[in-house]
Protein backbone atom coordinates (compact mmCIF):
# COMPACT_ATOMS: atom_id res chain seq x y z
CA MET A 1 141.92 55.69 -97.24
CA ASN A 2 144.75 54.35 -99.40
CA THR A 3 147.28 54.98 -96.63
CA ASN A 4 145.01 53.37 -94.03
CA VAL A 5 144.77 50.19 -96.12
CA ALA A 6 148.57 50.06 -96.49
CA VAL A 7 149.08 50.51 -92.73
CA LEU A 8 146.47 47.85 -91.95
CA LEU A 9 148.04 45.30 -94.31
CA SER A 10 151.52 46.07 -92.96
CA SER A 11 150.26 45.51 -89.43
CA ILE A 12 148.69 42.16 -90.40
CA THR A 13 151.83 40.88 -92.13
CA SER A 14 154.11 42.00 -89.27
CA PHE A 15 151.73 40.29 -86.81
CA ILE A 16 152.08 37.02 -88.77
CA LEU A 17 155.88 37.21 -88.53
CA ILE A 18 155.82 38.07 -84.81
CA LEU A 19 153.35 35.23 -84.18
CA GLN A 20 155.67 32.78 -85.93
CA SER A 21 158.51 33.94 -83.68
CA LEU A 22 156.42 33.54 -80.52
CA LEU A 23 155.28 30.05 -81.55
CA GLY A 24 158.90 29.09 -82.12
CA ASP A 25 159.89 30.39 -78.67
CA PHE A 26 157.34 28.02 -77.12
CA SER A 27 158.35 25.13 -79.42
CA VAL A 28 154.97 25.18 -81.18
CA PRO A 29 155.09 24.08 -84.84
CA SER A 30 154.68 26.95 -87.28
CA PHE A 31 151.48 27.19 -89.32
CA ILE A 32 153.63 27.99 -92.39
CA ASP A 33 155.83 25.36 -94.01
CA ILE A 34 159.36 26.72 -93.60
CA THR A 35 160.70 24.46 -96.38
CA SER A 36 158.35 25.82 -99.06
CA PRO A 37 158.50 29.11 -100.98
CA VAL A 38 155.36 30.17 -99.07
CA CYS A 39 157.60 30.90 -96.09
CA SER A 40 158.97 33.96 -97.91
CA ILE A 41 155.55 35.41 -98.72
CA PRO A 42 154.73 37.16 -95.37
CA PHE A 43 157.99 39.11 -95.32
CA TYR A 44 157.67 39.93 -99.03
CA LEU A 45 154.14 41.26 -98.47
CA PHE A 46 155.33 43.24 -95.45
CA CYS A 47 158.01 44.91 -97.59
CA CYS A 48 155.45 45.66 -100.32
CA CYS A 49 152.96 47.19 -97.88
CA SER A 50 155.67 49.22 -96.13
CA THR A 51 156.80 50.54 -99.52
CA SER A 52 153.20 51.43 -100.27
CA ILE A 53 152.94 53.43 -97.03
CA TYR A 54 155.94 55.61 -97.86
CA TYR A 55 154.88 56.21 -101.45
CA SER A 56 151.34 56.98 -100.31
CA TYR A 57 152.83 60.03 -98.64
CA CYS A 58 154.61 60.81 -101.92
CA LEU A 59 151.18 60.86 -103.59
CA GLN A 60 149.80 63.08 -100.82
CA SER A 61 152.69 65.49 -101.27
CA LEU A 62 152.10 65.48 -105.04
CA TYR A 63 148.41 66.28 -104.49
CA ARG A 64 149.33 69.21 -102.23
CA LEU A 65 151.84 70.44 -104.82
CA CYS A 66 149.17 70.44 -107.54
CA ARG A 67 146.62 72.04 -105.21
CA VAL A 68 148.88 74.86 -104.04
CA ILE A 69 151.22 75.65 -106.94
CA PHE A 70 149.56 74.16 -110.01
CA TYR A 71 145.99 74.99 -108.94
CA LYS A 72 145.20 76.45 -112.38
CA TYR A 73 145.52 73.00 -113.95
CA LYS A 74 142.29 71.36 -112.79
CA TYR A 75 143.18 68.04 -114.38
CA PHE A 76 145.91 67.55 -111.74
CA GLN A 77 143.26 67.72 -109.01
CA LYS A 78 140.83 65.19 -110.47
CA TYR A 79 139.86 62.30 -108.22
CA SER A 80 140.14 59.81 -111.08
CA LEU A 81 143.78 60.75 -111.66
CA TYR A 82 144.73 59.83 -108.10
CA ILE A 83 142.79 56.56 -108.29
CA VAL A 84 145.00 55.61 -111.24
CA LEU A 85 148.12 56.79 -109.40
CA CYS A 86 147.16 54.71 -106.35
CA ILE A 87 146.83 51.59 -108.50
CA LEU A 88 150.20 52.31 -110.15
CA LYS A 89 151.73 52.91 -106.73
CA TRP A 90 150.63 49.46 -105.52
CA LEU A 91 151.98 47.85 -108.70
CA PHE A 92 155.26 49.68 -108.19
CA SER A 93 155.41 48.51 -104.56
CA PHE A 94 155.00 44.85 -105.54
CA LEU A 95 157.40 45.03 -108.46
CA ILE A 96 160.15 46.97 -106.68
CA GLN A 97 160.28 44.35 -103.91
CA LEU A 98 160.47 41.40 -106.31
CA PRO A 99 164.29 41.44 -106.80
CA PRO A 100 165.11 40.43 -103.17
CA LEU A 101 162.59 37.59 -103.53
CA LEU A 102 163.99 36.45 -106.88
CA TRP A 103 167.59 36.79 -105.71
CA ASN A 104 166.83 34.45 -102.77
CA TYR A 105 167.73 37.06 -100.18
CA ILE A 106 164.77 35.91 -98.06
CA ILE A 107 165.89 32.88 -96.05
CA TYR A 108 164.77 31.00 -92.95
CA LEU A 109 166.45 32.15 -89.73
CA PRO A 110 166.42 29.31 -87.15
CA ASN A 111 166.75 31.66 -84.18
CA GLU A 112 163.80 33.81 -85.32
CA PHE A 113 161.58 30.95 -86.63
CA TYR A 114 160.48 32.74 -89.81
CA CYS A 115 161.77 33.64 -93.27
CA ILE A 116 163.26 37.10 -93.69
CA ALA A 117 165.97 38.87 -95.64
CA PRO A 118 168.70 39.34 -93.01
CA MET A 119 169.51 42.98 -92.36
CA PHE A 120 173.21 42.08 -92.16
CA ASN A 121 172.94 41.19 -95.85
CA LEU A 122 174.41 44.52 -96.93
CA LYS A 123 173.18 44.21 -100.53
CA PHE A 124 169.60 43.84 -99.33
CA ALA A 125 170.05 46.57 -96.71
CA ALA A 126 171.40 49.02 -99.30
CA TYR A 127 168.58 48.16 -101.72
CA VAL A 128 165.82 48.60 -99.14
CA CYS A 129 167.25 51.75 -97.57
CA SER A 130 167.67 53.44 -100.94
CA ILE A 131 164.27 52.42 -102.39
CA LEU A 132 162.09 52.40 -99.29
CA TYR A 133 163.54 55.25 -97.21
CA GLY A 134 165.96 57.25 -99.31
CA LEU A 135 163.99 57.81 -102.51
CA SER A 136 160.55 58.31 -100.94
CA ILE A 137 161.68 60.65 -98.17
CA THR A 138 163.80 62.67 -100.62
CA ILE A 139 160.79 63.13 -102.93
CA ILE A 140 158.52 64.14 -100.06
CA SER A 141 161.06 66.54 -98.56
CA LEU A 142 161.78 68.29 -101.87
CA ILE A 143 158.07 68.74 -102.65
CA TYR A 144 157.21 70.12 -99.22
CA VAL A 145 160.19 72.49 -99.24
CA TRP A 146 158.96 73.75 -102.60
CA ILE A 147 155.39 74.20 -101.30
CA ILE A 148 156.44 75.97 -98.10
CA TYR A 149 158.76 78.31 -100.04
CA TYR A 150 155.92 79.11 -102.46
CA ILE A 151 153.43 79.82 -99.67
CA LYS A 152 155.88 82.12 -97.90
CA GLN A 153 156.17 84.17 -101.11
CA GLN A 154 152.43 84.77 -101.44
CA SER A 155 150.55 87.88 -100.36
CA SER A 156 148.70 87.46 -97.06
CA GLN A 157 145.60 89.32 -98.30
CA THR A 158 144.29 86.99 -100.97
CA LEU A 159 141.69 84.26 -100.76
CA LYS A 160 144.11 81.85 -102.37
CA ASN A 161 146.61 82.49 -99.61
CA ARG A 162 144.05 81.59 -96.94
CA GLN A 163 143.57 78.28 -98.71
CA ASN A 164 147.34 77.87 -98.85
CA GLN A 165 147.56 78.47 -95.11
CA ARG A 166 145.08 75.63 -94.56
CA ASP A 167 147.21 73.44 -96.80
CA LEU A 168 150.27 74.44 -94.79
CA ILE A 169 148.58 73.24 -91.59
CA ILE A 170 147.82 69.90 -93.26
CA ILE A 171 151.41 69.69 -94.49
CA LYS A 172 152.70 70.17 -90.95
CA ARG A 173 150.47 67.32 -89.78
CA ILE A 174 151.71 65.08 -92.58
CA LEU A 175 155.31 65.91 -91.66
CA ILE A 176 154.61 64.76 -88.09
CA THR A 177 153.37 61.46 -89.50
CA LEU A 178 156.41 61.29 -91.75
CA GLY A 179 158.58 61.72 -88.66
CA ILE A 180 156.99 58.55 -87.25
CA LEU A 181 157.91 56.71 -90.46
CA ILE A 182 161.50 57.93 -90.20
CA ILE A 183 161.68 56.75 -86.58
CA LEU A 184 160.48 53.35 -87.80
CA GLY A 185 163.70 52.92 -89.78
CA ILE A 186 166.18 54.21 -87.17
CA PRO A 187 166.77 50.90 -85.30
CA ILE A 188 167.41 49.11 -88.60
CA ILE A 189 169.97 51.71 -89.68
CA VAL A 190 171.66 51.66 -86.26
CA PHE A 191 172.06 47.86 -86.29
CA ILE A 192 173.31 47.90 -89.88
CA LEU A 193 175.96 50.50 -89.01
CA LEU A 194 176.90 48.47 -85.93
CA PHE A 195 177.36 45.40 -88.09
CA ILE A 196 179.47 47.29 -90.65
CA LEU A 197 181.74 48.75 -87.97
CA THR A 198 182.06 45.74 -85.63
CA ASN A 199 180.88 42.75 -87.72
CA TYR A 200 178.51 41.95 -84.82
CA TRP A 201 174.75 41.41 -85.04
CA PRO A 202 172.99 41.27 -81.62
CA SER A 203 170.68 38.34 -81.02
CA PHE A 204 167.91 40.68 -79.80
CA ALA A 205 168.12 42.95 -82.85
CA TYR A 206 165.11 41.59 -84.75
CA ARG A 207 162.93 41.56 -81.61
CA LEU A 208 163.77 45.22 -80.97
CA ILE A 209 163.14 46.11 -84.61
CA TRP A 210 159.70 44.44 -84.60
CA MET A 211 158.83 46.14 -81.32
CA THR A 212 159.73 49.53 -82.83
CA ILE A 213 157.71 48.73 -85.95
CA SER A 214 154.69 47.70 -83.85
CA PHE A 215 154.73 50.94 -81.81
CA SER A 216 155.30 53.00 -84.96
CA PHE A 217 152.28 51.43 -86.64
CA LEU A 218 150.23 52.06 -83.50
CA PHE A 219 151.13 55.76 -83.42
CA LEU A 220 150.71 55.95 -87.18
CA ASN A 221 147.14 54.62 -86.93
CA LEU A 222 146.36 57.05 -84.11
CA SER A 223 147.81 59.97 -86.04
CA LEU A 224 145.82 59.04 -89.15
CA ILE A 225 142.63 59.02 -87.08
CA TYR A 226 143.49 62.30 -85.35
CA PHE A 227 144.61 64.18 -88.47
CA THR A 228 141.91 62.84 -90.82
CA SER A 229 138.74 64.82 -90.18
CA GLN A 230 136.36 62.09 -91.43
CA TRP A 231 137.92 59.45 -89.17
CA LYS A 232 138.10 61.88 -86.27
CA GLN A 233 134.42 62.81 -86.59
CA SER A 234 133.43 59.13 -86.83
CA VAL A 235 135.34 58.27 -83.64
CA LYS A 236 133.85 61.27 -81.82
CA GLN A 237 130.34 60.38 -82.97
CA LEU A 238 130.80 56.77 -81.84
CA TRP A 239 132.09 57.93 -78.45
CA ASN A 240 129.23 60.44 -78.00
CA ASN A 241 126.62 57.82 -78.95
CA ARG A 242 127.96 55.43 -76.33
CA ARG A 243 127.97 58.14 -73.66
CA ARG A 244 124.43 59.11 -74.61
CA GLN A 245 123.28 55.48 -74.33
CA ARG A 246 124.91 55.14 -70.90
CA TYR A 247 123.24 58.35 -69.74
CA ILE A 248 119.82 57.16 -70.94
CA LEU A 249 120.25 53.79 -69.23
CA CYS A 250 121.40 55.36 -65.97
CA ASN A 251 118.47 57.83 -65.90
CA MET A 252 115.78 55.49 -67.16
CA PRO A 253 112.85 55.37 -64.66
CA VAL A 254 112.36 52.01 -63.01
CA THR A 255 108.79 50.67 -63.00
CA LEU A 256 107.69 47.98 -60.62
CA ASN A 257 104.89 45.49 -61.15
CA LEU A 258 102.56 45.88 -58.11
CA ASN A 259 101.40 42.28 -58.32
CA THR A 260 105.02 41.12 -58.14
CA VAL A 261 105.64 43.38 -55.12
CA LYS A 262 102.59 42.02 -53.28
CA HIS A 263 103.64 38.47 -54.01
CA ILE A 264 107.06 39.18 -52.53
């Protein structure tokens, strides 16, 4: 649920930025004052929510680590512990993205019609890539390598190992989702490297980046629904209920009023 909220908020904030760009393309005045500090808020919130997404998967990997390897310590599997960790994760996400805001890295780009920290600002790019992508993906990768190595070492005839095998299936699903998150950052890294090597930033770069982000969020939402059993069952139940209603309506006997027929 925590990851779903982060993805939803990231989608909303990215939609606001894309909408500003579209309004600017059609010479429609922006609904956000570009001269006020409020202009920086949508991009700041987008960075915070994106950070929260990546570190949500860090929390998921930590939960799997405690469930598989440290299963004897029941405290590490308490629901209340992860509620606290989720709150701390959101605080961390907001605080870790404050420096670019305070350092005035977020500026108004006339060609894009919104406020953003330019990706060709190499200080900002290095900060974001190290905090958002580098640190989170390194943590997740190390934990899952540890878990997979541990599971491979277990005997295949124990009840605990059967539970570990189920966890391994879930881990594989999470890694697929993580792959989507890695793909999300590829266009940004490619354009940054292009700028470093050629000192050239294409005019279409931000449009392509936002398009990649939009598709990544779409596939991320679909994967969350598909891989989360509660969401999957809810969608199936909703679909089956609609089909059942259509079937009932199509097969409902039609009764005619004889007086109406005679009148006709």
